[in-house]
């Protein structure tokens, strides 16, 4: 049991564990801990190792923009202060087509 019901409001939401014992500590997970955890879950799901937790951010931003959500709203959701940063995450126009592949000279 995570014992979160009795946790103080100051305690971390995501707590680390002691190695593989699954015993929770009172210490919060670091960004690196979360990254390693996501990488393990992606590997277990059979996803390519080239993907990273950041891939989810790219995918979400691209998907929202493809659905017609205004750039300003996506920018706010992503926490970007400049819309140019949000546009860097937009992968809608980066689709590999047969025409592009046929241009590759060997």
PDB file of N, CA and C in Angstrom:
ATOM      1  N   UNK A   1       0.845  -1.185   0.000  1.00  0.00           N
ATOM      2  CA  UNK A   1       0.000   0.000   0.000  1.00  0.00           C
ATOM      3  C   UNK A   1       0.881   1.235   0.000  1.00  0.00           C
ATOM      4  N   UNK A   2       0.500   2.228  -0.729  1.00  0.00           N
ATOM      5  CA  UNK A   2       1.320   3.420  -0.874  1.00  0.00           C
ATOM      6  C   UNK A   2       1.225   4.358   0.324  1.00  0.00           C
ATOM      7  N   UNK A   3       0.246   4.157   1.197  1.00  0.00           N
ATOM      8  CA  UNK A   3       0.068   5.024   2.358  1.00  0.00           C
ATOM      9  C   UNK A   3      -0.063   6.492   1.976  1.00  0.00           C
ATOM     10  N   UNK A   4      -0.693   6.769   0.868  1.00  0.00           N
ATOM     11  CA  UNK A   4      -0.839   8.148   0.437  1.00  0.00           C
ATOM     12  C   UNK A   4      -1.972   8.866   1.169  1.00  0.00           C
ATOM     13  N   UNK A   5      -2.887   8.112   1.753  1.00  0.00           N
ATOM     14  CA  UNK A   5      -4.012   8.734   2.464  1.00  0.00           C
ATOM     15  C   UNK A   5      -3.538   9.547   3.653  1.00  0.00           C
ATOM     16  N   UNK A   6      -2.476   9.080   4.306  1.00  0.00           N
ATOM     17  CA  UNK A   6      -1.967   9.760   5.491  1.00  0.00           C
ATOM     18  C   UNK A   6      -0.800  10.686   5.176  1.00  0.00           C
ATOM     19  N   UNK A   7      -0.463  10.842   3.905  1.00  0.00           N
ATOM     20  CA  UNK A   7       0.692  11.654   3.525  1.00  0.00           C
ATOM     21  C   UNK A   7       0.380  13.135   3.720  1.00  0.00           C
ATOM     22  N   UNK A   8       1.406  13.875   4.082  1.00  0.00           N
ATOM     23  CA  UNK A   8       1.227  15.313   4.241  1.00  0.00           C
ATOM     24  C   UNK A   8       1.167  15.973   2.865  1.00  0.00           C
ATOM     25  N   UNK A   9       0.570  17.154   2.788  1.00  0.00           N
ATOM     26  CA  UNK A   9       0.495  17.848   1.488  1.00  0.00           C
ATOM     27  C   UNK A   9       1.871  18.178   0.908  1.00  0.00           C
ATOM     28  N   UNK A  10       2.886  18.221   1.753  1.00  0.00           N
ATOM     29  CA  UNK A  10       4.235  18.543   1.281  1.00  0.00           C
ATOM     30  C   UNK A  10       4.969  17.327   0.716  1.00  0.00           C
ATOM     31  N   UNK A  11       4.441  16.140   0.938  1.00  0.00           N
ATOM     32  CA  UNK A  11       5.138  14.941   0.466  1.00  0.00           C
ATOM     33  C   UNK A  11       5.045  14.850  -1.056  1.00  0.00           C
ATOM     34  N   UNK A  12       6.056  14.225  -1.677  1.00  0.00           N
ATOM     35  CA  UNK A  12       6.054  14.136  -3.143  1.00  0.00           C
ATOM     36  C   UNK A  12       4.930  13.239  -3.654  1.00  0.00           C
ATOM     37  N   UNK A  13       4.410  13.582  -4.822  1.00  0.00           N
ATOM     38  CA  UNK A  13       3.348  12.782  -5.422  1.00  0.00           C
ATOM     39  C   UNK A  13       3.888  11.454  -5.933  1.00  0.00           C
ATOM     40  N   UNK A  14       5.065  11.498  -6.537  1.00  0.00           N
ATOM     41  CA  UNK A  14       5.687  10.300  -7.082  1.00  0.00           C
ATOM     42  C   UNK A  14       6.919   9.991  -6.245  1.00  0.00           C
ATOM     43  N   UNK A  15       6.846   8.939  -5.462  1.00  0.00           N
ATOM     44  CA  UNK A  15       7.929   8.596  -4.550  1.00  0.00           C
ATOM     45  C   UNK A  15       8.799   7.495  -5.131  1.00  0.00           C
ATOM     46  N   UNK A  16      10.066   7.533  -4.783  1.00  0.00           N
ATOM     47  CA  UNK A  16      10.997   6.511  -5.266  1.00  0.00           C
ATOM     48  C   UNK A  16      10.870   5.253  -4.408  1.00  0.00           C
ATOM     49  N   UNK A  17      11.476   4.178  -4.895  1.00  0.00           N
ATOM     50  CA  UNK A  17      11.476   2.911  -4.157  1.00  0.00           C
ATOM     51  C   UNK A  17      12.912   2.508  -3.858  1.00  0.00           C
ATOM     52  N   UNK A  18      13.065   1.579  -2.936  1.00  0.00           N
ATOM     53  CA  UNK A  18      14.378   1.048  -2.610  1.00  0.00           C
ATOM     54  C   UNK A  18      14.654  -0.098  -3.574  1.00  0.00           C
ATOM     55  N   UNK A  19      15.512   0.186  -4.544  1.00  0.00           N
ATOM     56  CA  UNK A  19      15.874  -0.787  -5.580  1.00  0.00           C
ATOM     57  C   UNK A  19      14.635  -1.523  -6.090  1.00  0.00           C
ATOM     58  N   UNK A  20      14.692  -2.832  -6.107  1.00  0.00           N
ATOM     59  CA  UNK A  20      13.575  -3.620  -6.637  1.00  0.00           C
ATOM     60  C   UNK A  20      12.668  -4.179  -5.543  1.00  0.00           C
ATOM     61  N   UNK A  21      12.789  -3.656  -4.323  1.00  0.00           N
ATOM     62  CA  UNK A  21      11.987  -4.170  -3.211  1.00  0.00           C
ATOM     63  C   UNK A  21      10.551  -3.666  -3.258  1.00  0.00           C
ATOM     64  N   UNK A  22      10.320  -2.630  -4.039  1.00  0.00           N
ATOM     65  CA  UNK A  22       9.012  -1.981  -4.150  1.00  0.00           C
ATOM     66  C   UNK A  22       8.596  -1.300  -2.853  1.00  0.00           C
ATOM     67  N   UNK A  23       9.540  -1.096  -1.948  1.00  0.00           N
ATOM     68  CA  UNK A  23       9.274  -0.366  -0.717  1.00  0.00           C
ATOM     69  C   UNK A  23       9.431   1.118  -1.001  1.00  0.00           C
ATOM     70  N   UNK A  24       8.369   1.881  -0.798  1.00  0.00           N
ATOM     71  CA  UNK A  24       8.410   3.312  -1.072  1.00  0.00           C
ATOM     72  C   UNK A  24       9.234   4.051  -0.028  1.00  0.00           C
ATOM     73  N   UNK A  25       9.967   5.041  -0.511  1.00  0.00           N
ATOM     74  CA  UNK A  25      10.696   5.925   0.384  1.00  0.00           C
ATOM     75  C   UNK A  25       9.882   7.215   0.519  1.00  0.00           C
ATOM     76  N   UNK A  26      10.396   8.133   1.279  1.00  0.00           N
ATOM     77  CA  UNK A  26       9.758   9.452   1.404  1.00  0.00           C
ATOM     78  C   UNK A  26      10.378  10.454   0.431  1.00  0.00           C
ATOM     79  N   UNK A  27      11.264   9.956  -0.424  1.00  0.00           N
ATOM     80  CA  UNK A  27      11.976  10.797  -1.386  1.00  0.00           C
ATOM     81  C   UNK A  27      11.233  10.788  -2.716  1.00  0.00           C
ATOM     82  N   UNK A  28      11.074  11.953  -3.314  1.00  0.00           N
ATOM     83  CA  UNK A  28      10.406  12.057  -4.603  1.00  0.00           C
ATOM     84  C   UNK A  28      11.267  11.553  -5.741  1.00  0.00           C
ATOM     85  N   UNK A  29      10.625  11.106  -6.803  1.00  0.00           N
ATOM     86  CA  UNK A  29      11.341  10.651  -7.992  1.00  0.00           C
ATOM     87  C   UNK A  29      11.951  11.856  -8.688  1.00  0.00           C
ATOM     88  N   UNK A  30      13.138  11.674  -9.240  1.00  0.00           N
ATOM     89  CA  UNK A  30      13.782  12.718 -10.026  1.00  0.00           C
ATOM     90  C   UNK A  30      13.340  12.584 -11.481  1.00  0.00           C
ATOM     91  N   UNK A  31      13.671  13.571 -12.283  1.00  0.00           N
ATOM     92  CA  UNK A  31      13.361  13.493 -13.718  1.00  0.00           C
ATOM     93  C   UNK A  31      14.049  12.282 -14.333  1.00  0.00           C
ATOM     94  N   UNK A  32      15.265  11.989 -13.894  1.00  0.00           N
ATOM     95  CA  UNK A  32      15.981  10.812 -14.415  1.00  0.00           C
ATOM     96  C   UNK A  32      15.286   9.521 -14.016  1.00  0.00           C
ATOM     97  N   UNK A  33      14.777   9.454 -12.783  1.00  0.00           N
ATOM     98  CA  UNK A  33      14.039   8.265 -12.337  1.00  0.00           C
ATOM     99  C   UNK A  33      12.828   8.033 -13.233  1.00  0.00           C
ATOM    100  N   UNK A  34      12.099   9.094 -13.500  1.00  0.00           N
ATOM    101  CA  UNK A  34      10.895   8.988 -14.327  1.00  0.00           C
ATOM    102  C   UNK A  34      11.269   8.584 -15.748  1.00  0.00           C
ATOM    103  N   UNK A  35      12.343   9.175 -16.272  1.00  0.00           N
ATOM    104  CA  UNK A  35      12.793   8.817 -17.616  1.00  0.00           C
ATOM    105  C   UNK A  35      13.150   7.350 -17.726  1.00  0.00           C
ATOM    106  N   UNK A  36      13.878   6.829 -16.732  1.00  0.00           N
ATOM    107  CA  UNK A  36      14.244   5.405 -16.745  1.00  0.00           C
ATOM    108  C   UNK A  36      13.010   4.518 -16.631  1.00  0.00           C
ATOM    109  N   UNK A  37      12.058   4.937 -15.801  1.00  0.00           N
ATOM    110  CA  UNK A  37      10.839   4.150 -15.630  1.00  0.00           C
ATOM    111  C   UNK A  37      10.057   4.082 -16.952  1.00  0.00           C
ATOM    112  N   UNK A  38       9.921   5.233 -17.608  1.00  0.00           N
ATOM    113  CA  UNK A  38       9.188   5.260 -18.879  1.00  0.00           C
ATOM    114  C   UNK A  38       9.919   4.413 -19.919  1.00  0.00           C
ATOM    115  N   UNK A  39      11.251   4.501 -19.961  1.00  0.00           N
ATOM    116  CA  UNK A  39      12.026   3.696 -20.914  1.00  0.00           C
ATOM    117  C   UNK A  39      11.795   2.201 -20.676  1.00  0.00           C
ATOM    118  N   UNK A  40      11.763   1.773 -19.402  1.00  0.00           N
ATOM    119  CA  UNK A  40      11.505   0.360 -19.093  1.00  0.00           C
ATOM    120  C   UNK A  40      10.123  -0.049 -19.576  1.00  0.00           C
ATOM    121  N   UNK A  41       9.142   0.792 -19.324  1.00  0.00           N
ATOM    122  CA  UNK A  41       7.766   0.464 -19.735  1.00  0.00           C
ATOM    123  C   UNK A  41       7.653   0.404 -21.256  1.00  0.00           C
ATOM    124  N   UNK A  42       8.337   1.306 -21.949  1.00  0.00           N
ATOM    125  CA  UNK A  42       8.299   1.300 -23.413  1.00  0.00           C
ATOM    126  C   UNK A  42       8.980   0.046 -23.950  1.00  0.00           C
ATOM    127  N   UNK A  43      10.101  -0.352 -23.335  1.00  0.00           N
ATOM    128  CA  UNK A  43      10.790  -1.579 -23.750  1.00  0.00           C
ATOM    129  C   UNK A  43       9.879  -2.785 -23.523  1.00  0.00           C
ATOM    130  N   UNK A  44       9.230  -2.827 -22.355  1.00  0.00           N
ATOM    131  CA  UNK A  44       8.319  -3.943 -22.048  1.00  0.00           C
ATOM    132  C   UNK A  44       7.154  -4.009 -23.029  1.00  0.00           C
ATOM    133  N   UNK A  45       6.760  -2.854 -23.562  1.00  0.00           N
ATOM    134  CA  UNK A  45       5.657  -2.806 -24.522  1.00  0.00           C
ATOM    135  C   UNK A  45       6.123  -3.096 -25.947  1.00  0.00           C
ATOM    136  N   UNK A  46       7.435  -3.272 -26.128  1.00  0.00           N
ATOM    137  CA  UNK A  46       7.965  -3.578 -27.449  1.00  0.00           C
ATOM    138  C   UNK A  46       8.135  -2.367 -28.344  1.00  0.00           C
ATOM    139  N   UNK A  47       8.180  -1.184 -27.761  1.00  0.00           N
ATOM    140  CA  UNK A  47       8.360   0.033 -28.557  1.00  0.00           C
ATOM    141  C   UNK A  47       9.838   0.239 -28.868  1.00  0.00           C
ATOM    142  N   UNK A  48      10.152   0.938 -29.958  1.00  0.00           N
ATOM    143  CA  UNK A  48      11.553   1.148 -30.341  1.00  0.00           C
ATOM    144  C   UNK A  48      12.336   1.908 -29.269  1.00  0.00           C
ATOM    145  N   UNK A  49      13.595   1.553 -29.088  1.00  0.00           N
ATOM    146  CA  UNK A  49      14.418   2.192 -28.060  1.00  0.00           C
ATOM    147  C   UNK A  49      14.777   3.628 -28.416  1.00  0.00           C
ATOM    148  N   UNK A  50      14.597   4.017 -29.676  1.00  0.00           N
ATOM    149  CA  UNK A  50      14.904   5.391 -30.070  1.00  0.00           C
ATOM    150  C   UNK A  50      13.884   6.380 -29.497  1.00  0.00           C
ATOM    151  N   UNK A  51      12.743   5.874 -29.067  1.00  0.00           N
ATOM    152  CA  UNK A  51      11.741   6.745 -28.457  1.00  0.00           C
ATOM    153  C   UNK A  51      12.167   7.115 -27.044  1.00  0.00           C
ATOM    154  N   UNK A  52      11.675   8.247 -26.585  1.00  0.00           N
ATOM    155  CA  UNK A  52      11.997   8.716 -25.244  1.00  0.00           C
ATOM    156  C   UNK A  52      10.733   9.293 -24.625  1.00  0.00           C
ATOM    157  N   UNK A  53      10.771   9.611 -23.345  1.00  0.00           N
ATOM    158  CA  UNK A  53       9.610  10.276 -22.745  1.00  0.00           C
ATOM    159  C   UNK A  53       9.251  11.569 -23.494  1.00  0.00           C
ATOM    160  N   UNK A  54      10.272  12.208 -24.050  1.00  0.00           N
ATOM    161  CA  UNK A  54      10.034  13.440 -24.808  1.00  0.00           C
ATOM    162  C   UNK A  54       9.210  13.176 -26.068  1.00  0.00           C
ATOM    163  N   UNK A  55       9.272  11.954 -26.589  1.00  0.00           N
ATOM    164  CA  UNK A  55       8.491  11.594 -27.779  1.00  0.00           C
ATOM    165  C   UNK A  55       6.994  11.780 -27.527  1.00  0.00           C
ATOM    166  N   UNK A  56       6.558  11.525 -26.294  1.00  0.00           N
ATOM    167  CA  UNK A  56       5.141  11.721 -25.963  1.00  0.00           C
ATOM    168  C   UNK A  56       4.754  13.188 -26.094  1.00  0.00           C
ATOM    169  N   UNK A  57       5.648  14.071 -25.693  1.00  0.00           N
ATOM    170  CA  UNK A  57       5.398  15.517 -25.784  1.00  0.00           C
ATOM    171  C   UNK A  57       5.268  15.932 -27.250  1.00  0.00           C
ATOM    172  N   UNK A  58       6.198  15.455 -28.070  1.00  0.00           N
ATOM    173  CA  UNK A  58       6.161  15.765 -29.505  1.00  0.00           C
ATOM    174  C   UNK A  58       4.862  15.247 -30.124  1.00  0.00           C
ATOM    175  N   UNK A  59       4.514  14.003 -29.811  1.00  0.00           N
ATOM    176  CA  UNK A  59       3.314  13.390 -30.366  1.00  0.00           C
ATOM    177  C   UNK A  59       2.061  14.139 -29.940  1.00  0.00           C
ATOM    178  N   UNK A  60       1.979  14.510 -28.679  1.00  0.00           N
ATOM    179  CA  UNK A  60       0.796  15.215 -28.180  1.00  0.00           C
ATOM    180  C   UNK A  60       0.638  16.568 -28.853  1.00  0.00           C
ATOM    181  N   UNK A  61       1.724  17.328 -28.938  1.00  0.00           N
ATOM    182  CA  UNK A  61       1.653  18.653 -29.569  1.00  0.00           C
ATOM    183  C   UNK A  61       1.261  18.519 -31.032  1.00  0.00           C
ATOM    184  N   UNK A  62       1.881  17.585 -31.750  1.00  0.00           N
ATOM    185  CA  UNK A  62       1.550  17.382 -33.166  1.00  0.00           C
ATOM    186  C   UNK A  62       0.095  16.970 -33.329  1.00  0.00           C
ATOM    187  N   UNK A  63      -0.366  16.058 -32.489  1.00  0.00           N
ATOM    188  CA  UNK A  63      -1.744  15.577 -32.576  1.00  0.00           C
ATOM    189  C   UNK A  63      -2.747  16.696 -32.301  1.00  0.00           C
ATOM    190  N   UNK A  64      -2.499  17.503 -31.294  1.00  0.00           N
ATOM    191  CA  UNK A  64      -3.413  18.614 -30.992  1.00  0.00           C
ATOM    192  C   UNK A  64      -3.477  19.601 -32.146  1.00  0.00           C
ATOM    193  N   UNK A  65      -2.327  19.925 -32.715  1.00  0.00           N
ATOM    194  CA  UNK A  65      -2.313  20.854 -33.848  1.00  0.00           C
ATOM    195  C   UNK A  65      -3.025  20.246 -35.059  1.00  0.00           C
ATOM    196  N   UNK A  66      -2.857  18.941 -35.283  1.00  0.00           N
ATOM    197  CA  UNK A  66      -3.532  18.258 -36.400  1.00  0.00           C
ATOM    198  C   UNK A  66      -5.044  18.252 -36.209  1.00  0.00           C
ATOM    199  N   UNK A  67      -5.498  18.257 -34.955  1.00  0.00           N
ATOM    200  CA  UNK A  67      -6.930  18.286 -34.665  1.00  0.00           C
ATOM    201  C   UNK A  67      -7.514  19.690 -34.777  1.00  0.00           C
ATOM    202  N   UNK A  68      -6.659  20.666 -35.046  1.00  0.00           N
ATOM    203  CA  UNK A  68      -7.140  22.030 -35.218  1.00  0.00           C
ATOM    204  C   UNK A  68      -7.159  22.859 -33.942  1.00  0.00           C
ATOM    205  N   UNK A  69      -6.546  22.359 -32.875  1.00  0.00           N
ATOM    206  CA  UNK A  69      -6.458  23.154 -31.641  1.00  0.00           C
ATOM    207  C   UNK A  69      -5.553  24.345 -31.946  1.00  0.00           C
ATOM    208  N   UNK A  70      -5.975  25.557 -31.596  1.00  0.00           N
ATOM    209  CA  UNK A  70      -5.171  26.741 -31.898  1.00  0.00           C
ATOM    210  C   UNK A  70      -3.766  26.664 -31.290  1.00  0.00           C
ATOM    211  N   UNK A  71      -2.788  27.161 -32.040  1.00  0.00           N
ATOM    212  CA  UNK A  71      -1.400  27.146 -31.608  1.00  0.00           C
ATOM    213  C   UNK A  71      -1.243  27.771 -30.222  1.00  0.00           C
ATOM    214  N   UNK A  72      -1.951  28.848 -29.963  1.00  0.00           N
ATOM    215  CA  UNK A  72      -1.834  29.534 -28.676  1.00  0.00           C
ATOM    216  C   UNK A  72      -2.252  28.620 -27.519  1.00  0.00           C
ATOM    217  N   UNK A  73      -3.303  27.811 -27.740  1.00  0.00           N
ATOM    218  CA  UNK A  73      -3.764  26.892 -26.699  1.00  0.00           C
ATOM    219  C   UNK A  73      -2.749  25.770 -26.462  1.00  0.00           C
ATOM    220  N   UNK A  74      -2.196  25.252 -27.546  1.00  0.00           N
ATOM    221  CA  UNK A  74      -1.194  24.190 -27.439  1.00  0.00           C
ATOM    222  C   UNK A  74       0.063  24.744 -26.768  1.00  0.00           C
ATOM    223  N   UNK A  75       0.434  25.952 -27.136  1.00  0.00           N
ATOM    224  CA  UNK A  75       1.590  26.621 -26.540  1.00  0.00           C
ATOM    225  C   UNK A  75       1.412  26.744 -25.027  1.00  0.00           C
ATOM    226  N   UNK A  76       0.225  27.164 -24.615  1.00  0.00           N
ATOM    227  CA  UNK A  76      -0.062  27.302 -23.184  1.00  0.00           C
ATOM    228  C   UNK A  76       0.009  25.940 -22.482  1.00  0.00           C
ATOM    229  N   UNK A  77      -0.593  24.922 -23.080  1.00  0.00           N
ATOM    230  CA  UNK A  77      -0.572  23.580 -22.502  1.00  0.00           C
ATOM    231  C   UNK A  77       0.854  23.057 -22.350  1.00  0.00           C
ATOM    232  N   UNK A  78       1.700  23.337 -23.348  1.00  0.00           N
ATOM    233  CA  UNK A  78       3.082  22.862 -23.329  1.00  0.00           C
ATOM    234  C   UNK A  78       3.970  23.692 -22.398  1.00  0.00           C
ATOM    235  N   UNK A  79       3.475  24.845 -21.979  1.00  0.00           N
ATOM    236  CA  UNK A  79       4.264  25.698 -21.093  1.00  0.00           C
ATOM    237  C   UNK A  79       5.341  26.482 -21.818  1.00  0.00           C
ATOM    238  N   UNK A  80       5.137  26.719 -23.108  1.00  0.00           N
ATOM    239  CA  UNK A  80       6.106  27.484 -23.888  1.00  0.00           C
ATOM    240  C   UNK A  80       5.770  28.966 -23.824  1.00  0.00           C
ATOM    241  N   UNK A  81       6.781  29.801 -23.658  1.00  0.00           N
ATOM    242  CA  UNK A  81       6.545  31.247 -23.637  1.00  0.00           C
ATOM    243  C   UNK A  81       6.529  31.836 -25.047  1.00  0.00           C
ATOM    244  N   UNK A  82       7.065  31.109 -25.999  1.00  0.00           N
ATOM    245  CA  UNK A  82       7.159  31.597 -27.375  1.00  0.00           C
ATOM    246  C   UNK A  82       6.527  30.576 -28.322  1.00  0.00           C
ATOM    247  N   UNK A  83       5.632  31.012 -29.211  1.00  0.00           N
ATOM    248  CA  UNK A  83       5.002  30.066 -30.139  1.00  0.00           C
ATOM    249  C   UNK A  83       5.998  29.397 -31.087  1.00  0.00           C
ATOM    250  N   UNK A  84       7.143  30.022 -31.305  1.00  0.00           N
ATOM    251  CA  UNK A  84       8.157  29.405 -32.181  1.00  0.00           C
ATOM    252  C   UNK A  84       8.656  28.089 -31.582  1.00  0.00           C
ATOM    253  N   UNK A  85       8.736  28.028 -30.253  1.00  0.00           N
ATOM    254  CA  UNK A  85       9.154  26.791 -29.600  1.00  0.00           C
ATOM    255  C   UNK A  85       8.134  25.697 -29.845  1.00  0.00           C
ATOM    256  N   UNK A  86       6.851  26.033 -29.730  1.00  0.00           N
ATOM    257  CA  UNK A  86       5.787  25.046 -29.957  1.00  0.00           C
ATOM    258  C   UNK A  86       5.837  24.551 -31.398  1.00  0.00           C
ATOM    259  N   UNK A  87       6.096  25.443 -32.337  1.00  0.00           N
ATOM    260  CA  UNK A  87       6.172  25.034 -33.749  1.00  0.00           C
ATOM    261  C   UNK A  87       7.311  24.048 -33.997  1.00  0.00           C
ATOM    262  N   UNK A  88       8.363  24.105 -33.195  1.00  0.00           N
ATOM    263  CA  UNK A  88       9.467  23.158 -33.356  1.00  0.00           C
ATOM    264  C   UNK A  88       9.017  21.728 -33.087  1.00  0.00           C
ATOM    265  N   UNK A  89       7.965  21.564 -32.308  1.00  0.00           N
ATOM    266  CA  UNK A  89       7.440  20.239 -31.968  1.00  0.00           C
ATOM    267  C   UNK A  89       6.446  19.713 -33.007  1.00  0.00           C
ATOM    268  N   UNK A  90       6.042  20.548 -33.927  1.00  0.00           N
ATOM    269  CA  UNK A  90       5.024  20.182 -34.922  1.00  0.00           C
ATOM    270  C   UNK A  90       5.634  19.297 -35.993  1.00  0.00           C
ATOM    271  N   UNK A  91       5.210  18.032 -36.050  1.00  0.00           N
ATOM    272  CA  UNK A  91       5.761  17.072 -37.015  1.00  0.00           C
ATOM    273  C   UNK A  91       4.789  16.762 -38.151  1.00  0.00           C
ATOM    274  N   UNK A  92       3.738  17.557 -38.293  1.00  0.00           N
ATOM    275  CA  UNK A  92       2.743  17.255 -39.335  1.00  0.00           C
ATOM    276  C   UNK A  92       3.325  17.260 -40.731  1.00  0.00           C
ATOM    277  N   UNK A  93       4.250  18.135 -41.021  1.00  0.00           N
ATOM    278  CA  UNK A  93       4.791  18.245 -42.375  1.00  0.00           C
ATOM    279  C   UNK A  93       6.028  17.383 -42.574  1.00  0.00           C
ATOM    280  N   UNK A  94       6.374  16.568 -41.602  1.00  0.00           N
ATOM    281  CA  UNK A  94       7.585  15.754 -41.695  1.00  0.00           C
ATOM    282  C   UNK A  94       7.265  14.295 -41.967  1.00  0.00           C
ATOM    283  N   UNK A  95       6.272  14.054 -42.758  1.00  0.00           N
ATOM    284  CA  UNK A  95       5.897  12.685 -43.087  1.00  0.00           C
ATOM    285  C   UNK A  95       6.789  12.191 -44.228  1.00  0.00           C
ATOM    286  N   UNK A  96       7.262  10.981 -44.099  1.00  0.00           N
ATOM    287  CA  UNK A  96       8.086  10.383 -45.149  1.00  0.00           C
ATOM    288  C   UNK A  96       7.142   9.767 -46.173  1.00  0.00           C
ATOM    289  N   UNK A  97       7.252  10.219 -47.378  1.00  0.00           N
ATOM    290  CA  UNK A  97       6.399   9.706 -48.443  1.00  0.00           C
ATOM    291  C   UNK A  97       7.247   8.874 -49.415  1.00  0.00           C
ATOM    292  N   UNK A  98       6.563   8.128 -50.250  1.00  0.00           N
ATOM    293  CA  UNK A  98       7.260   7.308 -51.244  1.00  0.00           C
ATOM    294  C   UNK A  98       8.086   8.208 -52.172  1.00  0.00           C
ATOM    295  N   UNK A  99       7.552   9.388 -52.492  1.00  0.00           N
ATOM    296  CA  UNK A  99       8.255  10.315 -53.370  1.00  0.00           C
ATOM    297  C   UNK A  99       9.593  10.731 -52.754  1.00  0.00           C
ATOM    298  N   UNK A 100       9.616  10.973 -51.444  1.00  0.00           N
ATOM    299  CA  UNK A 100      10.855  11.359 -50.772  1.00  0.00           C
ATOM    300  C   UNK A 100      11.841  10.198 -50.783  1.00  0.00           C
ATOM    301  N   UNK A 101      11.363   9.004 -50.507  1.00  0.00           N
ATOM    302  CA  UNK A 101      12.235   7.837 -50.479  1.00  0.00           C
ATOM    303  C   UNK A 101      12.836   7.575 -51.861  1.00  0.00           C
ATOM    304  N   UNK A 102      12.037   7.777 -52.906  1.00  0.00           N
ATOM    305  CA  UNK A 102      12.539   7.513 -54.267  1.00  0.00           C
ATOM    306  C   UNK A 102      13.608   8.497 -54.698  1.00  0.00           C
ATOM    307  N   UNK A 103      13.709   9.636 -54.035  1.00  0.00           N
ATOM    308  CA  UNK A 103      14.733  10.631 -54.367  1.00  0.00           C
ATOM    309  C   UNK A 103      16.105  10.282 -53.795  1.00  0.00           C
ATOM    310  N   UNK A 104      16.162   9.333 -52.871  1.00  0.00           N
ATOM    311  CA  UNK A 104      17.421   8.989 -52.243  1.00  0.00           C
ATOM    312  C   UNK A 104      18.314   8.307 -53.272  1.00  0.00           C
ATOM    313  N   UNK A 105      19.515   8.865 -53.459  1.00  0.00           N
ATOM    314  CA  UNK A 105      20.441   8.259 -54.422  1.00  0.00           C
ATOM    315  C   UNK A 105      21.418   7.367 -53.660  1.00  0.00           C
ATOM    316  N   UNK A 106      21.652   6.221 -54.245  1.00  0.00           N
ATOM    317  CA  UNK A 106      22.539   5.253 -53.595  1.00  0.00           C
ATOM    318  C   UNK A 106      23.834   5.144 -54.383  1.00  0.00           C
TER     319      UNK A 106
END
